[in-house]
Amino acid sequence: MEKKLFYIPARKRIVSLENSHKYKLYSFYKECIEIPNDPIMNIEFTVNDSQYITVQYKIGNTVVNVVSKTDPNHIIKNCSIDDGTAYGPFLWAKVTNGMELVKVGTDLFRKAQKKYEDEHRKRIRKFIVGGIYKWRGSEYQYLGICKYYRQSINSISMHQYNRDTTATIELCESPIWLNLKYNNFHPFKCPRIYEQLSKEELDVNAVLSKHRVNIDNTDRYQHLSIAKTIHVKELTGNIKEYIDKFTNGKRTFKGY
């Protein structure tokens, strides 16, 4: 859990230190203070609109008076309460977004603890070609640095059919990731990945050839997905004929 917190008396708010910079331009910033996130043994609280609680407790000589988006039922069900005082211990934690007060040892506390551990795991910086990584609930295989072409227009609309349309094209180079569930490519440059699942020997060219999509007509406009132009050294297939018809990175498609 967070070791220190940022207390904003003017807003009756507790935020993490990493978010304290958002308040630097406000006049009340000079009144804000850092406080330790030590266990709070008891709090005085009132319920606001059945969704939030107003909390008051003391740290040394500092009286902390804040609003927490803690569900009041979390306090009522998990704490001993006597005349508006709830007994903990409590800690400030991030359950979804923002800090809220939670009772130590509860399911909500364990959920917040896992979220904190997940967010503070060591991020993987060096990726292995053929490595399979978990990211945002999906599995991705790292293919290394690949090349692909990006066209300036993604489609030609109906009103453009009867007039000429000029497109530009550029060669891009990027780390490429293959989504193993949907078999599509993504040029993620700096993904926040924390977990490697496995590694397999990989012939990248074979993988690209397997997934590369050919086009049906090199003389007419074609939408260029990454899968149509992705390559490591040389581009092959009829897509090369399409791209070779660009002059100095430009090509005009005749209306029809």
Protein backbone atom coordinates (compact mmCIF):
# COMPACT_ATOMS: atom_id res chain seq x y z
CA MET A 1 0.00 0.00 0.00
CA GLU A 2 1.01 3.63 -0.35
CA LYS A 3 3.43 4.67 2.41
CA LYS A 4 2.54 8.37 2.30
CA LEU A 5 -0.49 10.37 1.22
CA PHE A 6 -1.28 13.93 0.18
CA TYR A 7 -3.91 15.66 2.30
CA ILE A 8 -5.80 18.59 0.71
CA PRO A 9 -7.79 20.33 3.48
CA ALA A 10 -9.46 22.80 1.11
CA ARG A 11 -10.95 19.95 -0.93
CA LYS A 12 -11.41 17.51 1.96
CA ARG A 13 -9.53 15.02 -0.14
CA ILE A 14 -6.76 12.43 0.15
CA VAL A 15 -4.75 11.63 -2.98
CA SER A 16 -1.60 9.62 -3.69
CA LEU A 17 1.72 11.47 -3.78
CA GLU A 18 2.09 10.63 -7.48
CA ASN A 19 -1.07 12.66 -8.18
CA SER A 20 -0.21 15.60 -5.92
CA HIS A 21 1.37 17.54 -8.82
CA LYS A 22 -2.10 18.09 -10.31
CA TYR A 23 -2.81 20.65 -7.57
CA LYS A 24 0.37 22.72 -7.75
CA LEU A 25 -1.27 25.60 -9.60
CA TYR A 26 -4.04 26.03 -7.05
CA SER A 27 -3.73 28.68 -4.33
CA PHE A 28 -4.53 26.14 -1.61
CA TYR A 29 -1.54 23.94 -2.55
CA LYS A 30 0.67 25.57 0.10
CA GLU A 31 -1.79 24.41 2.77
CA CYS A 32 -1.57 20.77 1.69
CA ILE A 33 0.56 18.36 3.68
CA GLU A 34 2.04 14.89 3.38
CA ILE A 35 0.75 12.41 5.94
CA PRO A 36 1.74 8.79 6.63
CA ASN A 37 -0.60 6.01 5.57
CA ASP A 38 -0.39 4.30 8.95
CA PRO A 39 -3.21 2.12 10.30
CA ILE A 40 -6.06 4.23 11.68
CA MET A 41 -7.57 2.56 14.71
CA ASN A 42 -10.85 4.49 14.78
CA ILE A 43 -12.68 7.18 12.83
CA GLU A 44 -15.64 9.45 13.34
CA PHE A 45 -17.86 9.22 10.28
CA THR A 46 -21.15 10.35 8.79
CA VAL A 47 -22.90 9.07 5.68
CA ASN A 48 -23.37 11.36 2.67
CA ASP A 49 -26.07 10.52 0.09
CA SER A 50 -25.68 6.77 0.80
CA GLN A 51 -22.59 6.77 -1.44
CA TYR A 52 -19.82 8.54 0.47
CA ILE A 53 -18.69 9.02 4.02
CA THR A 54 -17.20 12.04 5.74
CA VAL A 55 -14.32 10.91 7.93
CA GLN A 56 -12.48 12.61 10.76
CA TYR A 57 -9.48 11.30 12.66
CA LYS A 58 -6.26 12.56 14.17
CA ILE A 59 -2.60 12.02 13.22
CA GLY A 60 -0.36 13.58 15.86
CA ASN A 61 -1.53 17.17 16.09
CA THR A 62 -3.20 17.11 12.66
CA VAL A 63 -6.96 16.65 12.42
CA VAL A 64 -7.80 15.01 9.09
CA ASN A 65 -11.29 15.84 7.85
CA VAL A 66 -12.03 14.33 4.44
CA VAL A 67 -14.69 12.80 2.23
CA SER A 68 -14.08 9.20 1.15
CA LYS A 69 -16.00 7.42 -1.58
CA THR A 70 -16.06 4.33 0.63
CA ASP A 71 -19.41 2.55 0.38
CA PRO A 72 -21.04 3.17 3.80
CA ASN A 73 -22.12 -0.49 3.83
CA HIS A 74 -18.44 -1.47 3.89
CA ILE A 75 -18.09 0.32 7.24
CA ILE A 76 -21.42 -0.85 8.64
CA LYS A 77 -20.88 -4.53 7.79
CA ASN A 78 -17.22 -4.84 8.74
CA CYS A 79 -16.72 -2.57 11.74
CA SER A 80 -17.77 -2.22 15.33
CA ILE A 81 -19.59 1.12 15.59
CA ASP A 82 -20.34 3.10 18.70
CA ASP A 83 -22.07 6.48 18.58
CA GLY A 84 -20.66 7.53 15.19
CA THR A 85 -17.21 6.05 15.79
CA ALA A 86 -16.10 3.08 13.70
CA TYR A 87 -13.24 0.88 14.86
CA GLY A 88 -10.64 -0.38 12.40
CA PRO A 89 -7.85 -0.62 11.67
CA PHE A 90 -8.22 1.26 8.36
CA LEU A 91 -5.84 2.21 5.56
CA TRP A 92 -6.20 4.45 2.52
CA ALA A 93 -6.10 2.42 -0.68
CA LYS A 94 -6.95 2.60 -4.36
CA VAL A 95 -9.79 0.19 -5.15
CA THR A 96 -10.81 1.60 -8.54
CA ASN A 97 -9.78 5.20 -9.16
CA GLY A 98 -8.70 7.51 -6.39
CA MET A 99 -8.03 6.79 -2.74
CA GLU A 100 -10.64 5.53 -0.31
CA LEU A 101 -10.63 4.32 3.26
CA VAL A 102 -10.92 0.52 3.66
CA LYS A 103 -11.01 -1.81 6.64
CA VAL A 104 -7.86 -3.94 6.90
CA GLY A 105 -8.44 -7.67 6.40
CA THR A 106 -11.66 -7.37 4.37
CA ASP A 107 -12.25 -8.56 0.80
CA LEU A 108 -12.16 -4.94 -0.34
CA PHE A 109 -8.79 -4.49 1.32
CA ARG A 110 -7.42 -7.61 -0.40
CA LYS A 111 -8.73 -6.36 -3.74
CA ALA A 112 -6.97 -3.01 -3.21
CA GLN A 113 -3.80 -4.79 -2.11
CA LYS A 114 -3.75 -6.87 -5.31
CA LYS A 115 -4.35 -3.77 -7.42
CA TYR A 116 -1.44 -2.01 -5.75
CA GLU A 117 0.86 -5.01 -6.26
CA ASP A 118 -0.18 -5.32 -9.92
CA GLU A 119 0.45 -1.63 -10.58
CA HIS A 120 3.86 -1.71 -8.89
CA ARG A 121 5.23 -4.88 -10.43
CA LYS A 122 8.48 -4.49 -12.29
CA ARG A 123 7.73 -3.57 -15.88
CA ILE A 124 9.41 -5.65 -18.58
CA ARG A 125 11.65 -3.43 -20.70
CA LYS A 126 13.45 -5.96 -22.92
CA PHE A 127 11.34 -8.32 -25.00
CA ILE A 128 12.43 -11.61 -26.58
CA VAL A 129 11.45 -12.47 -30.16
CA GLY A 130 9.05 -15.40 -29.88
CA GLY A 131 8.14 -14.49 -26.30
CA ILE A 132 4.47 -14.67 -25.37
CA TYR A 133 3.32 -11.95 -22.98
CA LYS A 134 0.10 -11.18 -21.18
CA TRP A 135 -1.23 -7.65 -21.64
CA ARG A 136 -4.67 -6.19 -21.05
CA GLY A 137 -6.24 -9.63 -20.70
CA SER A 138 -4.87 -10.96 -24.01
CA GLU A 139 -1.80 -12.91 -25.09
CA TYR A 140 0.63 -11.29 -27.52
CA GLN A 141 3.69 -12.74 -29.22
CA TYR A 142 6.60 -10.41 -29.82
CA LEU A 143 7.90 -10.54 -33.42
CA GLY A 144 10.71 -8.01 -33.10
CA ILE A 145 11.25 -4.97 -35.32
CA CYS A 146 9.30 -5.22 -38.57
CA LYS A 147 8.45 -2.91 -41.44
CA TYR A 148 5.09 -2.01 -42.91
CA TYR A 149 3.57 0.68 -45.10
CA ARG A 150 1.07 3.28 -43.94
CA GLN A 151 -1.21 4.94 -46.47
CA SER A 152 -2.61 8.44 -45.87
CA ILE A 153 -6.23 7.48 -46.58
CA ASN A 154 -8.02 4.48 -45.10
CA SER A 155 -10.86 4.47 -47.57
CA ILE A 156 -12.37 6.30 -50.53
CA SER A 157 -15.89 7.47 -49.79
CA MET A 158 -18.79 7.32 -52.23
CA HIS A 159 -18.59 11.02 -53.12
CA GLN A 160 -14.96 10.53 -54.19
CA TYR A 161 -15.70 7.79 -56.69
CA ASN A 162 -16.21 10.21 -59.57
CA ARG A 163 -13.04 12.23 -59.02
CA ASP A 164 -9.33 11.62 -58.66
CA THR A 165 -7.92 11.01 -55.19
CA THR A 166 -4.27 11.39 -54.23
CA ALA A 167 -2.75 9.28 -51.48
CA THR A 168 0.68 9.29 -49.90
CA ILE A 169 2.51 6.32 -48.45
CA GLU A 170 5.37 5.93 -46.00
CA LEU A 171 7.50 3.06 -44.82
CA CYS A 172 7.24 2.53 -41.05
CA GLU A 173 9.41 0.51 -38.71
CA SER A 174 8.22 -0.60 -35.28
CA PRO A 175 8.17 -3.42 -32.74
CA ILE A 176 5.32 -5.68 -33.84
CA TRP A 177 3.03 -7.77 -31.65
CA LEU A 178 0.74 -10.58 -32.80
CA ASN A 179 -2.50 -10.99 -30.88
CA LEU A 180 -2.72 -14.78 -30.61
CA LYS A 181 -6.51 -14.82 -30.19
CA TYR A 182 -7.47 -12.60 -33.10
CA ASN A 183 -4.33 -13.09 -35.26
CA ASN A 184 -3.85 -9.38 -35.94
CA PHE A 185 -0.73 -7.24 -35.76
CA HIS A 186 -0.11 -4.22 -33.56
CA PRO A 187 2.81 -1.73 -33.69
CA PHE A 188 3.11 -1.18 -29.92
CA LYS A 189 6.30 0.75 -29.19
CA CYS A 190 6.31 0.86 -25.38
CA PRO A 191 3.57 -1.39 -23.97
CA ARG A 192 3.30 -1.61 -20.19
CA ILE A 193 3.80 -5.36 -19.86
CA TYR A 194 4.60 -7.09 -16.58
CA GLU A 195 4.26 -10.80 -17.30
CA GLN A 196 5.92 -13.20 -19.74
CA LEU A 197 4.01 -16.46 -20.14
CA SER A 198 6.37 -18.50 -22.31
CA LYS A 199 8.83 -18.44 -25.19
CA GLU A 200 9.02 -20.46 -28.40
CA GLU A 201 11.47 -20.69 -31.26
CA LEU A 202 10.08 -18.55 -34.02
CA ASP A 203 10.67 -18.05 -37.73
CA VAL A 204 9.31 -14.52 -38.02
CA ASN A 205 9.24 -14.56 -41.83
CA ALA A 206 7.17 -17.75 -41.78
CA VAL A 207 4.69 -16.16 -39.35
CA LEU A 208 4.39 -13.04 -41.48
CA SER A 209 3.94 -15.07 -44.68
CA LYS A 210 1.23 -17.13 -43.01
CA HIS A 211 -0.77 -14.07 -41.98
CA ARG A 212 0.00 -11.75 -44.90
CA VAL A 213 -3.08 -10.83 -46.91
CA ASN A 214 -2.81 -10.32 -50.68
CA ILE A 215 -4.85 -7.73 -52.57
CA ASP A 216 -7.15 -8.39 -55.50
CA ASN A 217 -6.30 -5.45 -57.78
CA THR A 218 -3.07 -3.43 -57.94
CA ASP A 219 -4.58 -0.78 -60.25
CA ARG A 220 -7.32 0.42 -57.93
CA TYR A 221 -7.22 1.86 -54.43
CA GLN A 222 -6.69 -0.71 -51.68
CA HIS A 223 -6.96 -0.32 -47.94
CA LEU A 224 -3.56 -1.21 -46.45
CA SER A 225 -3.77 -3.05 -43.16
CA ILE A 226 -0.51 -3.93 -41.42
CA ALA A 227 -1.08 -7.58 -42.38
CA LYS A 228 -0.94 -6.67 -46.11
CA THR A 229 2.48 -5.02 -46.03
CA ILE A 230 4.32 -6.35 -42.99
CA HIS A 231 7.84 -7.67 -43.67
CA VAL A 232 11.32 -7.89 -42.18
CA LYS A 233 13.68 -7.44 -45.12
CA GLU A 234 11.82 -7.49 -48.44
CA LEU A 235 8.18 -7.17 -49.30
CA THR A 236 6.81 -9.93 -51.51
CA GLY A 237 3.54 -10.71 -53.23
CA ASN A 238 1.31 -8.58 -55.41
CA ILE A 239 1.21 -5.86 -52.75
CA LYS A 240 4.72 -4.92 -53.90
CA GLU A 241 3.35 -4.14 -57.37
CA TYR A 242 0.75 -1.87 -55.77
CA ILE A 243 3.31 0.04 -53.73
CA ASP A 244 5.78 0.30 -56.64
CA LYS A 245 3.16 2.37 -58.48
CA PHE A 246 3.63 5.17 -55.95
CA THR A 247 6.05 7.83 -57.24
CA ASN A 248 8.02 9.73 -54.61
CA GLY A 249 5.55 8.48 -52.03
CA LYS A 250 2.44 9.67 -53.93
CA ARG A 251 -0.15 8.08 -56.15
CA THR A 252 -3.33 9.39 -57.78
CA PHE A 253 -6.27 7.02 -58.09
CA LYS A 254 -8.60 7.79 -61.00
CA GLY A 255 -12.26 8.28 -60.29
CA TYR A 256 -14.71 5.76 -61.63
